[in-house]
Amino acid sequence: MTLPSDLVVAMTGSWHGIYKLWLEPGAPARECDTHARVSPTLEERFLVYEYEWSYEGAAQYGNARLGCTDDGIFQMAWTDTWHNGNAIMFCTGPGPAPVVTGTYADDAPGGAWRWRTEFLVEEPDALQVVAYNITSAGEEMRATEATYARVPG
């Protein structure tokens, strides 16, 4: 199974928006401009999501490769200069929507934490990428939110 064609069409393009970062629950979000590009690759089997944002004035970059198995399972390999340093986070999700979860902090007290990423295309020319930290106890908190508008052209 390849990615749903409507998802490929909806996400492909150049994007500009606002990136929000929450460092702790209840704290105000830190906001900055963000730019992204989403491109299909390998006969539209995968989407490559490349983005940039900033933290305290320092440029940050990330990318993810999103695909879907023959069984309808979404998969993502994600890297980001601020969030995961030199590690690649591998994430999966059962579909039908592109929502994927990976684990990190395997050595945290109480066990590993999870990171869920949701790609939301709810209206034309708008894309939202929202991520949540999930503690080993199952508590969820919004970690990042990128809200994009399509760049014409």
N, C-alpha and C. Protein backbone atom coordinates (compact mmCIF):
# COMPACT_ATOMS: atom_id res chain seq x y z
N MET A 1 0.85 -1.19 0.00
CA MET A 1 0.00 0.00 0.00
C MET A 1 0.89 1.24 0.00
N THR A 2 0.55 2.19 -0.80
CA THR A 2 1.26 3.46 -0.78
C THR A 2 0.46 4.44 0.07
N LEU A 3 1.03 5.60 0.26
CA LEU A 3 0.32 6.63 0.99
C LEU A 3 -0.97 6.97 0.25
N PRO A 4 -2.03 7.32 0.97
CA PRO A 4 -3.26 7.73 0.29
C PRO A 4 -2.98 8.92 -0.62
N SER A 5 -3.45 8.86 -1.87
CA SER A 5 -3.14 9.92 -2.84
C SER A 5 -3.67 11.27 -2.39
N ASP A 6 -4.81 11.30 -1.71
CA ASP A 6 -5.33 12.59 -1.24
C ASP A 6 -4.41 13.21 -0.19
N LEU A 7 -3.76 12.38 0.62
CA LEU A 7 -2.80 12.87 1.62
C LEU A 7 -1.56 13.43 0.93
N VAL A 8 -1.07 12.73 -0.10
CA VAL A 8 0.11 13.19 -0.84
C VAL A 8 -0.18 14.56 -1.46
N VAL A 9 -1.30 14.70 -2.11
CA VAL A 9 -1.67 15.97 -2.75
C VAL A 9 -1.83 17.06 -1.70
N ALA A 10 -2.51 16.76 -0.61
CA ALA A 10 -2.79 17.77 0.41
C ALA A 10 -1.53 18.27 1.11
N MET A 11 -0.55 17.39 1.32
CA MET A 11 0.64 17.78 2.08
C MET A 11 1.79 18.30 1.22
N THR A 12 1.83 17.94 -0.06
CA THR A 12 2.95 18.33 -0.91
C THR A 12 2.97 19.84 -1.14
N GLY A 13 4.15 20.44 -0.97
CA GLY A 13 4.30 21.86 -1.25
C GLY A 13 5.20 22.55 -0.25
N SER A 14 5.26 23.87 -0.38
CA SER A 14 6.02 24.72 0.54
C SER A 14 5.04 25.36 1.51
N TRP A 15 5.50 25.49 2.75
CA TRP A 15 4.62 25.94 3.83
C TRP A 15 5.32 26.99 4.70
N HIS A 16 4.54 27.90 5.28
CA HIS A 16 5.06 28.89 6.23
C HIS A 16 4.05 28.99 7.36
N GLY A 17 4.57 29.17 8.58
CA GLY A 17 3.64 29.28 9.70
C GLY A 17 4.32 29.62 11.01
N ILE A 18 3.66 29.22 12.08
CA ILE A 18 4.11 29.47 13.45
C ILE A 18 4.42 28.13 14.12
N TYR A 19 5.57 28.06 14.76
CA TYR A 19 5.99 26.88 15.52
C TYR A 19 5.87 27.22 16.99
N LYS A 20 5.21 26.37 17.74
CA LYS A 20 5.09 26.54 19.19
C LYS A 20 5.78 25.39 19.89
N LEU A 21 6.48 25.72 20.97
CA LEU A 21 7.22 24.74 21.77
C LEU A 21 6.84 24.92 23.22
N TRP A 22 6.39 23.84 23.86
CA TRP A 22 6.10 23.85 25.29
C TRP A 22 7.20 23.07 26.00
N LEU A 23 7.84 23.72 26.97
CA LEU A 23 8.92 23.04 27.69
C LEU A 23 8.44 22.38 28.97
N GLU A 24 7.27 22.77 29.45
CA GLU A 24 6.68 22.12 30.62
C GLU A 24 5.18 22.36 30.61
N PRO A 25 4.42 21.47 31.19
CA PRO A 25 2.96 21.62 31.21
C PRO A 25 2.55 22.91 31.92
N GLY A 26 1.59 23.60 31.34
CA GLY A 26 1.07 24.82 31.94
C GLY A 26 1.88 26.07 31.64
N ALA A 27 3.09 25.91 31.15
CA ALA A 27 3.92 27.07 30.80
C ALA A 27 3.48 27.61 29.45
N PRO A 28 3.65 28.91 29.23
CA PRO A 28 3.30 29.43 27.91
C PRO A 28 4.21 28.85 26.84
N ALA A 29 3.67 28.75 25.65
CA ALA A 29 4.46 28.24 24.52
C ALA A 29 5.46 29.29 24.07
N ARG A 30 6.61 28.83 23.63
CA ARG A 30 7.57 29.69 22.95
C ARG A 30 7.23 29.62 21.47
N GLU A 31 7.18 30.75 20.81
CA GLU A 31 6.74 30.79 19.41
C GLU A 31 7.82 31.37 18.51
N CYS A 32 7.85 30.87 17.27
CA CYS A 32 8.75 31.40 16.25
C CYS A 32 8.16 31.08 14.88
N ASP A 33 8.70 31.73 13.86
CA ASP A 33 8.32 31.40 12.49
C ASP A 33 8.86 30.02 12.14
N THR A 34 8.18 29.38 11.22
CA THR A 34 8.64 28.09 10.72
C THR A 34 8.37 28.00 9.23
N HIS A 35 9.24 27.32 8.54
CA HIS A 35 9.09 27.05 7.12
C HIS A 35 9.24 25.55 6.93
N ALA A 36 8.47 25.02 5.98
CA ALA A 36 8.55 23.58 5.70
C ALA A 36 8.39 23.32 4.21
N ARG A 37 8.87 22.17 3.82
CA ARG A 37 8.65 21.67 2.47
C ARG A 37 8.30 20.20 2.60
N VAL A 38 7.25 19.78 1.90
CA VAL A 38 6.85 18.38 1.87
C VAL A 38 6.92 17.92 0.42
N SER A 39 7.68 16.84 0.20
CA SER A 39 7.90 16.34 -1.15
C SER A 39 7.65 14.84 -1.21
N PRO A 40 6.94 14.38 -2.23
CA PRO A 40 6.81 12.93 -2.41
C PRO A 40 8.12 12.38 -2.97
N THR A 41 8.41 11.13 -2.64
CA THR A 41 9.62 10.48 -3.15
C THR A 41 9.32 9.00 -3.40
N LEU A 42 10.15 8.38 -4.20
CA LEU A 42 10.03 6.96 -4.53
C LEU A 42 8.61 6.60 -4.99
N GLU A 43 8.21 7.24 -6.10
CA GLU A 43 6.91 6.98 -6.71
C GLU A 43 5.76 7.22 -5.74
N GLU A 44 5.88 8.25 -4.93
CA GLU A 44 4.87 8.66 -3.94
C GLU A 44 4.63 7.61 -2.87
N ARG A 45 5.61 6.73 -2.65
CA ARG A 45 5.51 5.77 -1.55
C ARG A 45 5.76 6.45 -0.21
N PHE A 46 6.52 7.55 -0.25
CA PHE A 46 6.88 8.26 0.97
C PHE A 46 6.72 9.76 0.77
N LEU A 47 6.53 10.46 1.87
CA LEU A 47 6.60 11.92 1.90
C LEU A 47 7.79 12.31 2.75
N VAL A 48 8.56 13.29 2.28
CA VAL A 48 9.67 13.83 3.05
C VAL A 48 9.24 15.21 3.55
N TYR A 49 9.20 15.35 4.86
CA TYR A 49 8.81 16.60 5.52
C TYR A 49 10.09 17.22 6.08
N GLU A 50 10.49 18.37 5.53
CA GLU A 50 11.68 19.07 5.99
C GLU A 50 11.23 20.42 6.54
N TYR A 51 11.73 20.79 7.71
CA TYR A 51 11.26 22.02 8.34
C TYR A 51 12.40 22.71 9.09
N GLU A 52 12.17 24.00 9.34
CA GLU A 52 13.12 24.78 10.13
C GLU A 52 12.33 25.68 11.07
N TRP A 53 12.95 25.93 12.22
CA TRP A 53 12.36 26.78 13.24
C TRP A 53 13.53 27.32 14.06
N SER A 54 13.27 28.03 15.15
CA SER A 54 14.39 28.53 15.95
C SER A 54 14.06 28.43 17.43
N TYR A 55 15.11 28.32 18.22
CA TYR A 55 14.99 28.30 19.68
C TYR A 55 15.99 29.30 20.23
N GLU A 56 15.47 30.29 20.92
CA GLU A 56 16.30 31.36 21.49
C GLU A 56 17.24 31.94 20.43
N GLY A 57 16.72 32.13 19.23
CA GLY A 57 17.47 32.75 18.15
C GLY A 57 18.36 31.81 17.36
N ALA A 58 18.54 30.59 17.80
CA ALA A 58 19.39 29.62 17.10
C ALA A 58 18.54 28.79 16.13
N ALA A 59 18.98 28.72 14.88
CA ALA A 59 18.26 27.96 13.86
C ALA A 59 18.23 26.48 14.22
N GLN A 60 17.09 25.86 14.00
CA GLN A 60 16.89 24.43 14.24
C GLN A 60 16.29 23.82 12.98
N TYR A 61 16.62 22.56 12.73
CA TYR A 61 16.17 21.88 11.52
C TYR A 61 15.67 20.48 11.85
N GLY A 62 14.73 20.01 11.05
CA GLY A 62 14.24 18.66 11.23
C GLY A 62 13.74 18.09 9.93
N ASN A 63 13.60 16.78 9.91
CA ASN A 63 13.00 16.13 8.77
C ASN A 63 12.43 14.79 9.19
N ALA A 64 11.45 14.38 8.42
CA ALA A 64 10.81 13.09 8.67
C ALA A 64 10.47 12.48 7.32
N ARG A 65 10.55 11.18 7.28
CA ARG A 65 10.13 10.41 6.12
C ARG A 65 8.92 9.60 6.58
N LEU A 66 7.79 9.84 5.93
CA LEU A 66 6.53 9.21 6.31
C LEU A 66 6.09 8.26 5.20
N GLY A 67 5.69 7.06 5.59
CA GLY A 67 5.22 6.07 4.63
C GLY A 67 4.11 5.23 5.23
N CYS A 68 3.62 4.30 4.42
CA CYS A 68 2.52 3.43 4.85
C CYS A 68 2.79 2.03 4.31
N THR A 69 2.74 1.02 5.18
CA THR A 69 3.00 -0.36 4.78
C THR A 69 1.82 -0.93 4.01
N ASP A 70 2.01 -2.11 3.45
CA ASP A 70 0.93 -2.80 2.76
C ASP A 70 -0.23 -3.12 3.68
N ASP A 71 0.04 -3.19 4.98
CA ASP A 71 -1.01 -3.47 5.96
C ASP A 71 -1.70 -2.20 6.48
N GLY A 72 -1.35 -1.04 5.93
CA GLY A 72 -1.97 0.21 6.34
C GLY A 72 -1.36 0.83 7.58
N ILE A 73 -0.18 0.37 7.99
CA ILE A 73 0.51 0.92 9.16
C ILE A 73 1.37 2.09 8.70
N PHE A 74 1.15 3.26 9.31
CA PHE A 74 2.01 4.40 9.02
C PHE A 74 3.34 4.22 9.75
N GLN A 75 4.41 4.64 9.08
CA GLN A 75 5.75 4.59 9.66
C GLN A 75 6.43 5.93 9.41
N MET A 76 7.29 6.33 10.37
CA MET A 76 8.03 7.57 10.20
C MET A 76 9.41 7.41 10.83
N ALA A 77 10.42 7.93 10.13
CA ALA A 77 11.77 8.08 10.68
C ALA A 77 11.98 9.58 10.84
N TRP A 78 12.28 10.04 12.07
CA TRP A 78 12.32 11.47 12.37
C TRP A 78 13.64 11.87 12.99
N THR A 79 14.18 12.99 12.53
CA THR A 79 15.36 13.59 13.13
C THR A 79 15.11 15.09 13.29
N ASP A 80 15.71 15.68 14.31
CA ASP A 80 15.55 17.11 14.58
C ASP A 80 16.76 17.56 15.39
N THR A 81 17.34 18.69 15.04
CA THR A 81 18.56 19.15 15.72
C THR A 81 18.34 19.47 17.19
N TRP A 82 17.15 19.87 17.58
CA TRP A 82 16.91 20.25 18.97
C TRP A 82 16.34 19.09 19.79
N HIS A 83 15.40 18.37 19.22
CA HIS A 83 14.68 17.37 19.99
C HIS A 83 15.42 16.05 20.19
N ASN A 84 16.03 15.52 19.14
CA ASN A 84 16.62 14.20 19.31
C ASN A 84 18.10 14.11 18.94
N GLY A 85 18.79 15.24 18.90
CA GLY A 85 20.24 15.22 18.76
C GLY A 85 20.73 14.33 17.63
N ASN A 86 21.51 13.30 17.96
CA ASN A 86 22.08 12.40 16.96
C ASN A 86 21.27 11.13 16.74
N ALA A 87 20.11 11.03 17.37
CA ALA A 87 19.31 9.81 17.27
C ALA A 87 18.22 9.95 16.20
N ILE A 88 17.85 8.84 15.62
CA ILE A 88 16.70 8.77 14.73
C ILE A 88 15.57 8.12 15.53
N MET A 89 14.42 8.77 15.56
CA MET A 89 13.27 8.17 16.23
C MET A 89 12.41 7.47 15.17
N PHE A 90 12.14 6.21 15.40
CA PHE A 90 11.28 5.44 14.51
C PHE A 90 9.90 5.36 15.15
N CYS A 91 8.89 5.72 14.38
CA CYS A 91 7.53 5.81 14.89
C CYS A 91 6.58 5.02 13.99
N THR A 92 5.52 4.49 14.57
CA THR A 92 4.49 3.79 13.80
C THR A 92 3.12 4.16 14.33
N GLY A 93 2.12 3.93 13.51
CA GLY A 93 0.74 4.15 13.91
C GLY A 93 -0.20 3.34 13.03
N PRO A 94 -1.31 2.86 13.60
CA PRO A 94 -2.18 1.92 12.91
C PRO A 94 -3.02 2.51 11.78
N GLY A 95 -3.01 3.82 11.58
CA GLY A 95 -3.87 4.40 10.56
C GLY A 95 -5.31 4.43 11.04
N PRO A 96 -6.24 4.89 10.30
CA PRO A 96 -6.11 5.29 8.90
C PRO A 96 -5.48 6.68 8.73
N ALA A 97 -5.34 7.45 9.79
CA ALA A 97 -4.75 8.78 9.70
C ALA A 97 -3.24 8.72 9.97
N PRO A 98 -2.48 9.70 9.47
CA PRO A 98 -1.04 9.72 9.72
C PRO A 98 -0.71 10.23 11.13
N VAL A 99 -0.88 9.33 12.09
CA VAL A 99 -0.55 9.59 13.50
C VAL A 99 0.40 8.48 13.91
N VAL A 100 1.61 8.87 14.35
CA VAL A 100 2.64 7.88 14.66
C VAL A 100 3.24 8.14 16.03
N THR A 101 3.72 7.07 16.66
CA THR A 101 4.30 7.17 18.01
C THR A 101 5.61 6.41 18.06
N GLY A 102 6.60 7.02 18.72
CA GLY A 102 7.89 6.39 18.96
C GLY A 102 8.24 6.49 20.43
N THR A 103 9.32 5.85 20.83
CA THR A 103 9.75 5.89 22.24
C THR A 103 11.12 6.54 22.35
N TYR A 104 11.37 7.10 23.54
CA TYR A 104 12.68 7.67 23.85
C TYR A 104 12.85 7.64 25.36
N ALA A 105 13.99 8.11 25.82
CA ALA A 105 14.31 8.17 27.25
C ALA A 105 14.11 6.80 27.90
N ASP A 106 14.69 5.78 27.27
CA ASP A 106 14.57 4.42 27.79
C ASP A 106 15.09 4.28 29.22
N ASP A 107 15.99 5.18 29.60
CA ASP A 107 16.57 5.10 30.94
C ASP A 107 15.87 6.00 31.96
N ALA A 108 14.74 6.59 31.59
CA ALA A 108 14.01 7.47 32.51
C ALA A 108 13.45 6.67 33.67
N PRO A 109 13.39 7.27 34.87
CA PRO A 109 12.75 6.58 36.00
C PRO A 109 11.32 6.21 35.63
N GLY A 110 10.93 5.00 35.85
CA GLY A 110 9.59 4.54 35.52
C GLY A 110 9.45 3.99 34.11
N GLY A 111 10.48 4.12 33.30
CA GLY A 111 10.43 3.55 31.95
C GLY A 111 10.43 4.59 30.86
N ALA A 112 10.43 4.12 29.64
CA ALA A 112 10.54 4.98 28.46
C ALA A 112 9.35 5.91 28.32
N TRP A 113 9.62 7.05 27.72
CA TRP A 113 8.58 7.99 27.33
C TRP A 113 8.26 7.76 25.86
N ARG A 114 7.11 8.26 25.43
CA ARG A 114 6.72 8.17 24.03
C ARG A 114 6.52 9.56 23.45
N TRP A 115 6.58 9.63 22.14
CA TRP A 115 6.40 10.88 21.39
C TRP A 115 5.44 10.58 20.26
N ARG A 116 4.28 11.24 20.27
CA ARG A 116 3.28 11.03 19.21
C ARG A 116 3.23 12.25 18.31
N THR A 117 3.27 12.02 17.01
CA THR A 117 3.18 13.08 16.02
C THR A 117 1.93 12.88 15.18
N GLU A 118 1.18 13.95 15.02
CA GLU A 118 -0.05 13.93 14.22
C GLU A 118 0.10 14.90 13.06
N PHE A 119 -0.15 14.42 11.85
CA PHE A 119 -0.18 15.28 10.67
C PHE A 119 -1.65 15.52 10.34
N LEU A 120 -2.07 16.77 10.42
CA LEU A 120 -3.49 17.11 10.26
C LEU A 120 -3.68 18.00 9.04
N VAL A 121 -4.51 17.55 8.11
CA VAL A 121 -4.87 18.34 6.94
C VAL A 121 -6.39 18.41 6.95
N GLU A 122 -6.90 19.44 7.61
CA GLU A 122 -8.35 19.53 7.80
C GLU A 122 -9.03 20.50 6.86
N GLU A 123 -8.23 21.32 6.16
CA GLU A 123 -8.79 22.22 5.16
C GLU A 123 -7.73 22.46 4.09
N PRO A 124 -8.17 22.85 2.89
CA PRO A 124 -7.20 23.06 1.81
C PRO A 124 -6.17 24.14 2.18
N ASP A 125 -4.96 23.91 1.78
CA ASP A 125 -3.87 24.88 1.96
C ASP A 125 -3.52 25.14 3.42
N ALA A 126 -3.87 24.22 4.29
CA ALA A 126 -3.50 24.32 5.71
C ALA A 126 -2.97 22.96 6.18
N LEU A 127 -1.89 23.02 6.93
CA LEU A 127 -1.27 21.80 7.46
C LEU A 127 -0.88 22.08 8.90
N GLN A 128 -1.15 21.13 9.76
CA GLN A 128 -0.75 21.25 11.16
C GLN A 128 -0.01 19.97 11.55
N VAL A 129 1.13 20.15 12.21
CA VAL A 129 1.90 19.02 12.72
C VAL A 129 2.02 19.23 14.22
N VAL A 130 1.39 18.33 14.98
CA VAL A 130 1.33 18.46 16.43
C VAL A 130 1.99 17.25 17.06
N ALA A 131 2.81 17.49 18.09
CA ALA A 131 3.49 16.40 18.78
C ALA A 131 3.24 16.47 20.27
N TYR A 132 3.18 15.29 20.89
CA TYR A 132 2.90 15.17 22.31
C TYR A 132 3.96 14.31 22.98
N ASN A 133 4.39 14.72 24.16
CA ASN A 133 5.17 13.86 25.04
C ASN A 133 4.18 13.00 25.81
N ILE A 134 4.52 11.75 26.00
CA ILE A 134 3.68 10.84 26.79
C ILE A 134 4.61 10.19 27.81
N THR A 135 4.35 10.44 29.08
CA THR A 135 5.21 9.90 30.13
C THR A 135 5.05 8.40 30.23
N SER A 136 5.94 7.77 30.98
CA SER A 136 5.84 6.32 31.18
C SER A 136 4.56 5.96 31.92
N ALA A 137 3.96 6.92 32.63
CA ALA A 137 2.70 6.69 33.33
C ALA A 137 1.49 6.95 32.43
N GLY A 138 1.74 7.37 31.18
CA GLY A 138 0.65 7.59 30.24
C GLY A 138 0.12 9.02 30.22
N GLU A 139 0.73 9.94 30.96
CA GLU A 139 0.29 11.34 30.94
C GLU A 139 0.75 11.99 29.65
N GLU A 140 -0.18 12.67 28.96
CA GLU A 140 0.14 13.32 27.70
C GLU A 140 0.22 14.82 27.88
N MET A 141 1.19 15.44 27.20
CA MET A 141 1.29 16.89 27.20
C MET A 141 1.75 17.36 25.83
N ARG A 142 1.13 18.41 25.34
CA ARG A 142 1.50 18.96 24.04
C ARG A 142 2.94 19.45 24.12
N ALA A 143 3.74 19.07 23.14
CA ALA A 143 5.16 19.44 23.11
C ALA A 143 5.44 20.48 22.03
N THR A 144 4.95 20.23 20.82
CA THR A 144 5.15 21.17 19.72
C THR A 144 3.90 21.24 18.87
N GLU A 145 3.78 22.36 18.17
CA GLU A 145 2.67 22.53 17.23
C GLU A 145 3.15 23.46 16.12
N ALA A 146 3.14 22.99 14.90
CA ALA A 146 3.46 23.82 13.75
C ALA A 146 2.18 23.98 12.95
N THR A 147 1.74 25.21 12.78
CA THR A 147 0.53 25.50 12.03
C THR A 147 0.94 26.25 10.76
N TYR A 148 0.73 25.63 9.62
CA TYR A 148 1.24 26.13 8.36
C TYR A 148 0.11 26.56 7.41
N ALA A 149 0.44 27.54 6.57
CA ALA A 149 -0.36 27.89 5.40
C ALA A 149 0.50 27.61 4.18
N ARG A 150 -0.13 27.14 3.13
CA ARG A 150 0.61 26.83 1.89
C ARG A 150 1.18 28.12 1.30
N VAL A 151 2.42 28.06 0.84
CA VAL A 151 3.05 29.19 0.16
C VAL A 151 2.66 29.08 -1.30
N PRO A 152 2.01 30.11 -1.86
CA PRO A 152 1.58 30.04 -3.27
C PRO A 152 2.79 29.87 -4.19
N GLY A 153 2.52 29.20 -5.31
CA GLY A 153 3.58 29.08 -6.30
C GLY A 153 3.85 27.72 -6.64
